[in-house]
N, C-alpha and C. Protein backbone atom coordinates (compact mmCIF):
# COMPACT_ATOMS: atom_id res chain seq x y z
N MET A 1 1.12 -1.16 -0.08
CA MET A 1 0.12 -0.04 0.17
C MET A 1 0.67 1.05 0.39
N LYS A 2 0.49 2.33 -0.60
CA LYS A 2 1.38 3.68 -0.65
C LYS A 2 0.88 4.31 0.60
N LYS A 3 1.90 5.10 1.23
CA LYS A 3 1.91 5.47 2.39
C LYS A 3 1.20 6.83 2.15
N ASP A 4 0.97 7.64 3.11
CA ASP A 4 0.10 8.88 3.37
C ASP A 4 -0.75 9.08 2.08
N ILE A 5 -1.56 8.43 1.72
CA ILE A 5 -2.60 8.88 0.84
C ILE A 5 -3.54 8.96 1.26
N HIS A 6 -3.82 8.65 2.49
CA HIS A 6 -5.49 8.47 3.21
C HIS A 6 -5.45 9.93 4.10
N PRO A 7 -6.30 10.78 4.05
CA PRO A 7 -6.53 12.04 4.80
C PRO A 7 -6.18 11.21 6.99
N LYS A 8 -5.47 12.63 7.35
CA LYS A 8 -5.03 12.26 9.03
C LYS A 8 -6.65 11.86 9.61
N GLU A 9 -7.45 12.57 8.77
CA GLU A 9 -8.75 12.15 9.92
C GLU A 9 -9.35 10.57 9.39
N TYR A 10 -9.06 10.08 9.25
CA TYR A 10 -9.54 8.50 8.35
C TYR A 10 -8.71 7.65 9.77
N ARG A 11 -10.17 7.25 10.26
CA ARG A 11 -10.31 6.08 11.62
C ARG A 11 -11.47 5.40 11.46
N PRO A 12 -11.55 4.66 12.22
CA PRO A 12 -12.87 3.62 12.57
C PRO A 12 -13.85 4.70 13.14
N VAL A 13 -14.98 4.43 12.58
CA VAL A 13 -16.36 5.00 13.24
C VAL A 13 -17.54 3.92 13.13
N ILE A 14 -18.06 4.08 14.03
CA ILE A 14 -19.25 3.36 14.33
C ILE A 14 -20.53 4.10 14.08
N PHE A 15 -20.96 3.27 12.64
CA PHE A 15 -22.44 3.65 12.08
C PHE A 15 -23.75 3.16 12.80
N VAL A 16 -24.87 3.81 13.22
CA VAL A 16 -25.71 3.62 14.02
C VAL A 16 -26.86 3.84 13.06
N ASP A 17 -27.63 2.52 12.63
CA ASP A 17 -28.54 2.67 11.86
C ASP A 17 -29.81 2.78 12.90
N ASN A 18 -30.46 4.20 12.93
CA ASN A 18 -31.92 4.28 13.34
C ASN A 18 -33.00 3.68 13.65
N SER A 19 -33.07 3.19 12.44
CA SER A 19 -34.29 2.60 11.99
C SER A 19 -34.39 1.29 12.45
N ILE A 20 -33.05 0.57 12.85
CA ILE A 20 -33.51 -0.92 13.57
C ILE A 20 -32.22 -0.71 14.20
N GLY A 21 -31.51 -0.45 14.62
CA GLY A 21 -30.50 -0.36 15.60
C GLY A 21 -29.35 -0.68 15.10
N ALA A 22 -28.89 -1.47 14.20
CA ALA A 22 -27.73 -2.05 13.59
C ALA A 22 -26.64 -1.29 13.83
N LYS A 23 -25.43 -1.51 13.93
CA LYS A 23 -24.30 -1.17 14.13
C LYS A 23 -22.99 -1.45 13.29
N PHE A 24 -22.63 -0.69 12.59
CA PHE A 24 -21.12 -1.12 11.44
C PHE A 24 -19.86 -0.45 12.02
N LEU A 25 -18.64 -0.88 12.30
CA LEU A 25 -17.58 -0.57 12.21
C LEU A 25 -16.53 -0.30 11.13
N ILE A 26 -16.61 1.25 10.67
CA ILE A 26 -16.15 1.47 9.11
C ILE A 26 -15.42 2.77 9.48
N SER A 27 -14.07 2.33 8.74
CA SER A 27 -13.40 3.67 8.38
C SER A 27 -14.24 4.97 7.67
N SER A 28 -13.55 5.98 8.18
CA SER A 28 -14.39 7.24 7.52
C SER A 28 -13.65 8.31 8.00
N THR A 29 -13.83 9.43 7.18
CA THR A 29 -13.19 11.13 7.82
C THR A 29 -14.50 11.60 8.24
N ILE A 30 -15.59 11.29 8.93
CA ILE A 30 -16.43 11.69 8.62
C ILE A 30 -16.64 12.25 10.01
N PRO A 31 -16.89 13.48 10.90
CA PRO A 31 -16.71 14.38 11.68
C PRO A 31 -18.13 13.58 12.89
N SER A 32 -17.72 13.70 13.98
CA SER A 32 -18.30 13.16 15.44
C SER A 32 -18.11 13.49 16.52
N LYS A 33 -18.55 14.25 17.49
CA LYS A 33 -18.58 14.71 18.52
C LYS A 33 -18.77 13.59 19.74
N GLU A 34 -19.76 12.42 18.99
CA GLU A 34 -20.42 12.03 20.08
C GLU A 34 -19.34 10.42 20.04
N THR A 35 -18.92 9.86 21.12
CA THR A 35 -18.18 8.16 21.08
C THR A 35 -19.00 6.92 21.59
N GLU A 36 -18.64 6.09 21.41
CA GLU A 36 -19.70 4.98 21.80
C GLU A 36 -18.22 3.60 22.11
N LYS A 37 -18.46 2.91 22.74
CA LYS A 37 -17.27 1.48 23.19
C LYS A 37 -18.13 0.51 21.90
N TRP A 38 -16.64 0.18 21.35
CA TRP A 38 -17.12 -1.33 20.80
C TRP A 38 -17.31 -2.17 21.22
N GLU A 39 -17.48 -3.54 20.86
CA GLU A 39 -17.06 -4.71 21.33
C GLU A 39 -16.02 -5.18 21.57
N ASP A 40 -15.23 -4.43 21.18
CA ASP A 40 -13.61 -4.83 21.42
C ASP A 40 -13.38 -4.35 22.59
N GLY A 41 -13.93 -3.56 23.18
CA GLY A 41 -13.66 -2.48 24.03
C GLY A 41 -13.02 -1.25 24.28
N LYS A 42 -12.78 -1.04 22.64
CA LYS A 42 -12.04 0.16 22.68
C LYS A 42 -13.23 1.31 22.41
N GLU A 43 -13.00 2.51 22.21
CA GLU A 43 -13.93 3.87 22.21
C GLU A 43 -13.74 4.44 20.71
N TYR A 44 -14.73 4.75 20.03
CA TYR A 44 -14.67 4.67 18.75
C TYR A 44 -15.43 5.99 18.44
N PRO A 45 -15.77 7.16 17.69
CA PRO A 45 -16.50 7.91 17.53
C PRO A 45 -18.07 7.02 16.56
N VAL A 46 -18.85 8.17 16.85
CA VAL A 46 -20.15 7.33 16.37
C VAL A 46 -20.94 8.60 15.38
N PHE A 47 -21.55 7.70 14.30
CA PHE A 47 -22.10 8.69 13.15
C PHE A 47 -23.64 7.89 13.33
N HIS A 48 -24.76 8.79 13.23
CA HIS A 48 -26.18 8.06 13.29
C HIS A 48 -26.58 8.36 11.69
N VAL A 49 -27.45 7.24 11.24
CA VAL A 49 -27.72 7.28 9.84
C VAL A 49 -28.95 6.86 10.08
N GLU A 50 -30.04 7.14 8.84
CA GLU A 50 -31.21 6.84 9.32
C GLU A 50 -31.39 5.51 8.60
N ILE A 51 -30.78 5.30 7.35
CA ILE A 51 -31.13 3.79 6.89
C ILE A 51 -29.17 3.23 5.80
N SER A 52 -29.51 1.94 6.46
CA SER A 52 -28.36 1.52 5.90
C SER A 52 -28.66 0.31 4.83
N SER A 53 -27.11 -0.62 4.61
CA SER A 53 -27.85 -1.95 4.07
C SER A 53 -28.52 -2.88 4.77
N ALA A 54 -28.79 -2.76 6.25
CA ALA A 54 -29.32 -3.56 6.98
C ALA A 54 -30.30 -3.24 7.11
N SER A 55 -31.20 -2.10 6.71
CA SER A 55 -32.51 -1.78 6.64
C SER A 55 -33.51 -1.33 5.79
N HIS A 56 -32.36 -1.34 4.36
CA HIS A 56 -32.65 -0.92 2.85
C HIS A 56 -33.78 -2.03 2.53
N PRO A 57 -34.61 -1.98 1.96
CA PRO A 57 -35.51 -2.55 1.24
C PRO A 57 -34.74 -3.42 -0.34
N PHE A 58 -33.81 -2.96 -0.57
CA PHE A 58 -32.96 -3.29 -1.69
C PHE A 58 -32.32 -4.41 -1.14
N TYR A 59 -31.65 -4.27 0.19
CA TYR A 59 -30.56 -5.53 0.30
C TYR A 59 -31.32 -6.26 1.67
N THR A 60 -32.30 -6.22 2.33
CA THR A 60 -33.19 -6.86 3.11
C THR A 60 -33.80 -7.51 2.22
N GLY A 61 -34.47 -7.45 0.79
CA GLY A 61 -35.91 -8.53 0.25
C GLY A 61 -37.19 -7.93 0.45
N ASN A 62 -37.28 -7.00 1.63
CA ASN A 62 -38.52 -6.41 2.33
C ASN A 62 -38.93 -5.34 1.30
N ASP A 63 -39.92 -5.71 0.10
CA ASP A 63 -39.90 -4.35 -0.75
C ASP A 63 -41.51 -3.74 0.23
N LYS A 64 -42.12 -2.51 0.03
CA LYS A 64 -43.40 -1.94 0.52
C LYS A 64 -44.15 -2.36 -0.53
N VAL A 65 -45.17 -2.67 -0.53
CA VAL A 65 -46.70 -3.70 -1.38
C VAL A 65 -47.28 -2.41 -1.03
N MET A 66 -47.47 -1.80 -2.22
CA MET A 66 -48.55 -0.59 -2.24
C MET A 66 -49.93 -1.40 -2.56
N ASP A 67 -50.71 -0.76 -2.00
CA ASP A 67 -52.31 -1.04 -1.85
C ASP A 67 -52.90 -0.24 -3.52
N ALA A 68 -52.66 -0.52 -4.56
CA ALA A 68 -52.53 0.10 -5.58
C ALA A 68 -54.33 -0.15 -5.80
N ALA A 69 -55.25 -1.17 -5.56
CA ALA A 69 -56.25 -1.13 -5.74
C ALA A 69 -56.87 -0.20 -4.85
N GLY A 70 -56.89 -0.66 -3.75
CA GLY A 70 -57.44 0.59 -2.67
C GLY A 70 -57.38 1.93 -3.02
N ARG A 71 -56.14 2.36 -3.47
CA ARG A 71 -55.79 3.60 -3.90
C ARG A 71 -56.98 3.90 -5.16
N VAL A 72 -57.12 3.46 -6.15
CA VAL A 72 -57.78 3.50 -7.53
C VAL A 72 -59.24 3.20 -6.85
N GLU A 73 -59.79 2.35 -6.17
CA GLU A 73 -61.35 2.74 -5.34
C GLU A 73 -61.33 4.06 -5.06
N LYS A 74 -60.46 4.45 -3.80
CA LYS A 74 -60.84 5.70 -2.97
C LYS A 74 -60.98 6.69 -4.09
N PHE A 75 -59.88 6.76 -5.37
CA PHE A 75 -59.81 7.82 -6.56
C PHE A 75 -61.33 7.85 -6.96
N LYS A 76 -61.83 7.23 -7.22
CA LYS A 76 -62.79 6.53 -8.18
C LYS A 76 -64.03 7.08 -7.21
N ASN A 77 -64.20 6.66 -5.98
CA ASN A 77 -65.26 7.25 -5.17
C ASN A 77 -65.13 8.70 -4.93
N ARG A 78 -64.10 9.23 -4.85
CA ARG A 78 -63.52 10.82 -4.90
C ARG A 78 -64.20 11.64 -6.04
N ALA A 79 -64.07 10.87 -7.26
CA ALA A 79 -64.03 11.22 -8.60
C ALA A 79 -65.69 11.34 -8.98
N ALA A 80 -66.52 10.11 -8.47
CA ALA A 80 -67.95 10.01 -7.97
C ALA A 80 -68.42 11.29 -7.47
N LYS A 81 -68.24 11.25 -6.22
CA LYS A 81 -68.89 12.56 -5.62
C LYS A 81 -68.41 13.92 -6.07
N GLY A 82 -67.20 13.93 -6.67
CA GLY A 82 -67.32 15.43 -7.25
C GLY A 82 -68.06 15.88 -8.58
N ALA A 83 -68.51 14.21 -9.14
CA ALA A 83 -69.28 14.41 -9.92
C ALA A 83 -70.45 14.71 -10.02
N LYS A 84 -71.08 14.00 -8.92
CA LYS A 84 -72.40 14.44 -8.38
C LYS A 84 -72.63 15.88 -8.28
N LYS A 85 -71.42 16.67 -7.20
CA LYS A 85 -72.25 18.00 -6.99
C LYS A 85 -72.34 19.12 -8.15
N ASN A 86 -71.35 18.40 -9.94
CA ASN A 86 -71.67 18.96 -10.35
C ASN A 86 -72.98 19.21 -11.07
């Protein structure tokens, strides 16, 4: 590996997925004021994210199912009520 190619701030950071509480220890330069102990007993900076590979539907395979039929029926009912008023 080449020496001195990474920024000085490049260090391990704990990323916490707020949606499910999953934690990842990954090297990063992201700034953080908060710290937390990791499984190895060492303390690392912490950064909170809203979604990660542990909770994203693409990676988990859990897609959100849209109720298209219900939406269409609601639209038709609203359209019918609007047509009756005119």
